[in-house]
Amino acid sequence: MEFKTQDSTAFDDMLAFVKQHPDFEKLEISYEPTLSLSGLEINLSRRRVINNGQEIELTVKEYDILCLLAANKGRVLTYEQIYDKVWGEISAGNEKDTVGFYIRNLRKKLCDTNSHFSIDSVREIGYRFNSQ
């Protein structure tokens, strides 16, 4: 609510009324950041993934990769970029195999014939998240 200076007595009256009635309940709408893409919902504060209405269990790395790809929908992320962001360290040259392993697991868990999104390989470069 917003009151002008001339309405200050109205605000004081409202506060006095509320204080006289302790049974009033304070209700708040909580904001939960959610990323929604073509049947896929990622609840960022609860680390939950819902695909076509079904909750999907992901490992920490799978979840982090999915969030990174979904947040960069349509962009190609290199193996090195994914490894650097998810693992937080400089790769030792095996990032392609490591990231590829987790992408395969993500595809098995998420990408079926009913999915309206895909995790596409960009040969010798990295991956891209696409949604229809």
C-alpha atoms as a PDB file:
ATOM      1  CA  MET A   1       0.000   0.000   0.000  1.00  0.00           C
ATOM      2  CA  GLU A   2       1.027   3.528  -0.607  1.00  0.00           C
ATOM      3  CA  PHE A   3      -0.294   6.514   1.303  1.00  0.00           C
ATOM      4  CA  LYS A   4       0.148  10.195   0.613  1.00  0.00           C
ATOM      5  CA  THR A   5       1.215  12.420   3.488  1.00  0.00           C
ATOM      6  CA  GLN A   6      -2.353  13.666   3.941  1.00  0.00           C
ATOM      7  CA  ASP A   7      -3.485  10.019   4.386  1.00  0.00           C
ATOM      8  CA  SER A   8      -1.212   9.338   7.349  1.00  0.00           C
ATOM      9  CA  THR A   9      -4.149   9.304   9.787  1.00  0.00           C
ATOM     10  CA  ALA A  10      -5.864   6.620   7.686  1.00  0.00           C
ATOM     11  CA  PHE A  11      -2.739   4.478   7.941  1.00  0.00           C
ATOM     12  CA  ASP A  12      -2.554   4.988  11.706  1.00  0.00           C
ATOM     13  CA  ASP A  13      -6.225   4.021  12.013  1.00  0.00           C
ATOM     14  CA  MET A  14      -5.602   0.835  10.000  1.00  0.00           C
ATOM     15  CA  LEU A  15      -2.648  -0.134  12.202  1.00  0.00           C
ATOM     16  CA  ALA A  16      -4.667   0.468  15.358  1.00  0.00           C
ATOM     17  CA  PHE A  17      -7.476  -1.728  14.010  1.00  0.00           C
ATOM     18  CA  VAL A  18      -5.088  -4.552  13.119  1.00  0.00           C
ATOM     19  CA  LYS A  19      -3.448  -4.405  16.547  1.00  0.00           C
ATOM     20  CA  GLN A  20      -6.875  -4.745  18.201  1.00  0.00           C
ATOM     21  CA  HIS A  21      -7.533  -7.967  16.275  1.00  0.00           C
ATOM     22  CA  PRO A  22      -4.611 -10.349  16.870  1.00  0.00           C
ATOM     23  CA  ASP A  23      -6.423 -13.140  15.010  1.00  0.00           C
ATOM     24  CA  PHE A  24      -5.602 -11.502  11.671  1.00  0.00           C
ATOM     25  CA  GLU A  25      -3.279 -13.711   9.704  1.00  0.00           C
ATOM     26  CA  LYS A  26      -0.393 -12.409   7.678  1.00  0.00           C
ATOM     27  CA  LEU A  27      -0.339 -14.085   4.302  1.00  0.00           C
ATOM     28  CA  GLU A  28       2.528 -13.790   1.902  1.00  0.00           C
ATOM     29  CA  ILE A  29       2.991 -15.109  -1.565  1.00  0.00           C
ATOM     30  CA  SER A  30       6.376 -16.700  -1.806  1.00  0.00           C
ATOM     31  CA  TYR A  31       8.338 -16.287  -4.970  1.00  0.00           C
ATOM     32  CA  GLU A  32      10.084 -19.398  -6.182  1.00  0.00           C
ATOM     33  CA  PRO A  33      12.247 -18.877  -9.229  1.00  0.00           C
ATOM     34  CA  THR A  34      11.266 -21.439 -11.852  1.00  0.00           C
ATOM     35  CA  LEU A  35      12.586 -21.948 -15.336  1.00  0.00           C
ATOM     36  CA  SER A  36       9.817 -23.277 -17.607  1.00  0.00           C
ATOM     37  CA  LEU A  37      10.558 -24.565 -21.086  1.00  0.00           C
ATOM     38  CA  SER A  38       8.250 -26.735 -23.221  1.00  0.00           C
ATOM     39  CA  GLY A  39       6.989 -29.180 -20.592  1.00  0.00           C
ATOM     40  CA  LEU A  40      10.156 -28.917 -18.516  1.00  0.00           C
ATOM     41  CA  GLU A  41      10.116 -27.028 -15.216  1.00  0.00           C
ATOM     42  CA  ILE A  42      13.217 -26.380 -13.175  1.00  0.00           C
ATOM     43  CA  ASN A  43      12.506 -25.060  -9.676  1.00  0.00           C
ATOM     44  CA  LEU A  44      15.767 -23.321  -8.858  1.00  0.00           C
ATOM     45  CA  SER A  45      15.234 -22.821  -5.118  1.00  0.00           C
ATOM     46  CA  ARG A  46      14.234 -26.454  -4.491  1.00  0.00           C
ATOM     47  CA  ARG A  47      16.518 -28.028  -7.122  1.00  0.00           C
ATOM     48  CA  ARG A  48      13.560 -29.973  -8.555  1.00  0.00           C
ATOM     49  CA  VAL A  49      13.043 -30.913 -12.179  1.00  0.00           C
ATOM     50  CA  ILE A  50       9.583 -31.759 -13.535  1.00  0.00           C
ATOM     51  CA  ASN A  51       9.365 -33.219 -17.041  1.00  0.00           C
ATOM     52  CA  ASN A  52       5.856 -33.592 -18.494  1.00  0.00           C
ATOM     53  CA  GLY A  53       4.389 -33.539 -14.973  1.00  0.00           C
ATOM     54  CA  GLN A  54       6.782 -36.132 -13.538  1.00  0.00           C
ATOM     55  CA  GLU A  55       9.586 -35.334 -11.122  1.00  0.00           C
ATOM     56  CA  ILE A  56      12.989 -36.464 -12.384  1.00  0.00           C
ATOM     57  CA  GLU A  57      15.819 -37.341 -10.021  1.00  0.00           C
ATOM     58  CA  LEU A  58      19.129 -35.857 -11.141  1.00  0.00           C
ATOM     59  CA  THR A  59      22.603 -35.919  -9.672  1.00  0.00           C
ATOM     60  CA  VAL A  60      24.158 -32.609  -8.634  1.00  0.00           C
ATOM     61  CA  LYS A  61      26.253 -32.393 -11.813  1.00  0.00           C
ATOM     62  CA  GLU A  62      23.351 -33.399 -14.079  1.00  0.00           C
ATOM     63  CA  TYR A  63      21.186 -30.711 -12.492  1.00  0.00           C
ATOM     64  CA  ASP A  64      23.894 -28.059 -12.794  1.00  0.00           C
ATOM     65  CA  ILE A  65      24.519 -28.900 -16.461  1.00  0.00           C
ATOM     66  CA  LEU A  66      20.794 -28.842 -17.225  1.00  0.00           C
ATOM     67  CA  CYS A  67      20.370 -25.434 -15.578  1.00  0.00           C
ATOM     68  CA  LEU A  68      23.373 -24.050 -17.442  1.00  0.00           C
ATOM     69  CA  LEU A  69      22.147 -25.328 -20.810  1.00  0.00           C
ATOM     70  CA  ALA A  70      18.525 -24.250 -20.221  1.00  0.00           C
ATOM     71  CA  ALA A  71      19.578 -20.769 -19.084  1.00  0.00           C
ATOM     72  CA  ASN A  72      21.533 -20.469 -22.336  1.00  0.00           C
ATOM     73  CA  LYS A  73      18.781 -21.949 -24.513  1.00  0.00           C
ATOM     74  CA  GLY A  74      19.705 -21.901 -28.192  1.00  0.00           C
ATOM     75  CA  ARG A  75      23.353 -21.032 -27.570  1.00  0.00           C
ATOM     76  CA  VAL A  76      26.179 -23.443 -28.158  1.00  0.00           C
ATOM     77  CA  LEU A  77      28.262 -23.980 -25.039  1.00  0.00           C
ATOM     78  CA  THR A  78      31.668 -25.536 -25.514  1.00  0.00           C
ATOM     79  CA  TYR A  79      32.840 -28.532 -23.528  1.00  0.00           C
ATOM     80  CA  GLU A  80      35.310 -26.226 -21.770  1.00  0.00           C
ATOM     81  CA  GLN A  81      32.628 -23.665 -20.860  1.00  0.00           C
ATOM     82  CA  ILE A  82      30.370 -26.331 -19.387  1.00  0.00           C
ATOM     83  CA  TYR A  83      33.214 -27.966 -17.468  1.00  0.00           C
ATOM     84  CA  ASP A  84      34.473 -24.629 -16.150  1.00  0.00           C
ATOM     85  CA  LYS A  85      31.023 -23.494 -14.934  1.00  0.00           C
ATOM     86  CA  VAL A  86      29.868 -26.813 -13.452  1.00  0.00           C
ATOM     87  CA  TRP A  87      33.088 -28.143 -11.958  1.00  0.00           C
ATOM     88  CA  GLY A  88      34.573 -24.716 -11.224  1.00  0.00           C
ATOM     89  CA  GLU A  89      38.070 -25.715 -12.217  1.00  0.00           C
ATOM     90  CA  ILE A  90      40.312 -25.677 -15.234  1.00  0.00           C
ATOM     91  CA  SER A  91      39.997 -28.874 -17.203  1.00  0.00           C
ATOM     92  CA  ALA A  92      42.843 -31.321 -17.601  1.00  0.00           C
ATOM     93  CA  GLY A  93      41.956 -32.064 -21.201  1.00  0.00           C
ATOM     94  CA  ASN A  94      39.291 -34.699 -20.601  1.00  0.00           C
ATOM     95  CA  GLU A  95      36.322 -32.307 -20.404  1.00  0.00           C
ATOM     96  CA  LYS A  96      34.767 -33.645 -23.615  1.00  0.00           C
ATOM     97  CA  ASP A  97      34.469 -37.179 -22.192  1.00  0.00           C
ATOM     98  CA  THR A  98      33.396 -36.007 -18.749  1.00  0.00           C
ATOM     99  CA  VAL A  99      30.702 -33.626 -19.988  1.00  0.00           C
ATOM    100  CA  GLY A 100      29.603 -36.178 -22.599  1.00  0.00           C
ATOM    101  CA  PHE A 101      29.036 -38.788 -19.885  1.00  0.00           C
ATOM    102  CA  TYR A 102      26.675 -36.492 -17.971  1.00  0.00           C
ATOM    103  CA  ILE A 103      24.885 -35.341 -21.125  1.00  0.00           C
ATOM    104  CA  ARG A 104      24.159 -38.983 -22.046  1.00  0.00           C
ATOM    105  CA  ASN A 105      22.662 -39.529 -18.593  1.00  0.00           C
ATOM    106  CA  LEU A 106      20.568 -36.360 -18.888  1.00  0.00           C
ATOM    107  CA  ARG A 107      19.240 -37.435 -22.261  1.00  0.00           C
ATOM    108  CA  LYS A 108      18.275 -40.872 -20.899  1.00  0.00           C
ATOM    109  CA  LYS A 109      16.386 -39.281 -18.015  1.00  0.00           C
ATOM    110  CA  LEU A 110      14.784 -36.357 -19.839  1.00  0.00           C
ATOM    111  CA  CYS A 111      14.614 -36.684 -23.588  1.00  0.00           C
ATOM    112  CA  ASP A 112      11.891 -39.038 -24.753  1.00  0.00           C
ATOM    113  CA  THR A 113       9.439 -39.023 -27.645  1.00  0.00           C
ATOM    114  CA  ASN A 114       7.051 -36.741 -25.693  1.00  0.00           C
ATOM    115  CA  SER A 115       9.710 -34.106 -24.998  1.00  0.00           C
ATOM    116  CA  HIS A 116       9.468 -30.751 -26.691  1.00  0.00           C
ATOM    117  CA  PHE A 117      13.123 -30.017 -26.103  1.00  0.00           C
ATOM    118  CA  SER A 118      16.452 -31.588 -26.893  1.00  0.00           C
ATOM    119  CA  ILE A 119      20.085 -31.394 -25.926  1.00  0.00           C
ATOM    120  CA  ASP A 120      21.843 -31.249 -29.263  1.00  0.00           C
ATOM    121  CA  SER A 121      25.465 -32.102 -29.947  1.00  0.00           C
ATOM    122  CA  VAL A 122      27.465 -29.609 -31.940  1.00  0.00           C
ATOM    123  CA  ARG A 123      30.219 -31.774 -33.340  1.00  0.00           C
ATOM    124  CA  GLU A 124      33.675 -31.143 -31.867  1.00  0.00           C
ATOM    125  CA  ILE A 125      32.415 -28.018 -30.052  1.00  0.00           C
ATOM    126  CA  GLY A 126      29.846 -28.745 -27.342  1.00  0.00           C
ATOM    127  CA  TYR A 127      26.091 -28.794 -26.713  1.00  0.00           C
ATOM    128  CA  ARG A 128      22.992 -26.674 -27.214  1.00  0.00           C
ATOM    129  CA  PHE A 129      19.615 -26.825 -25.455  1.00  0.00           C
ATOM    130  CA  ASN A 130      16.716 -26.462 -27.898  1.00  0.00           C
ATOM    131  CA  SER A 131      13.005 -26.229 -27.225  1.00  0.00           C
ATOM    132  CA  GLN A 132      10.141 -26.155 -29.696  1.00  0.00           C
END
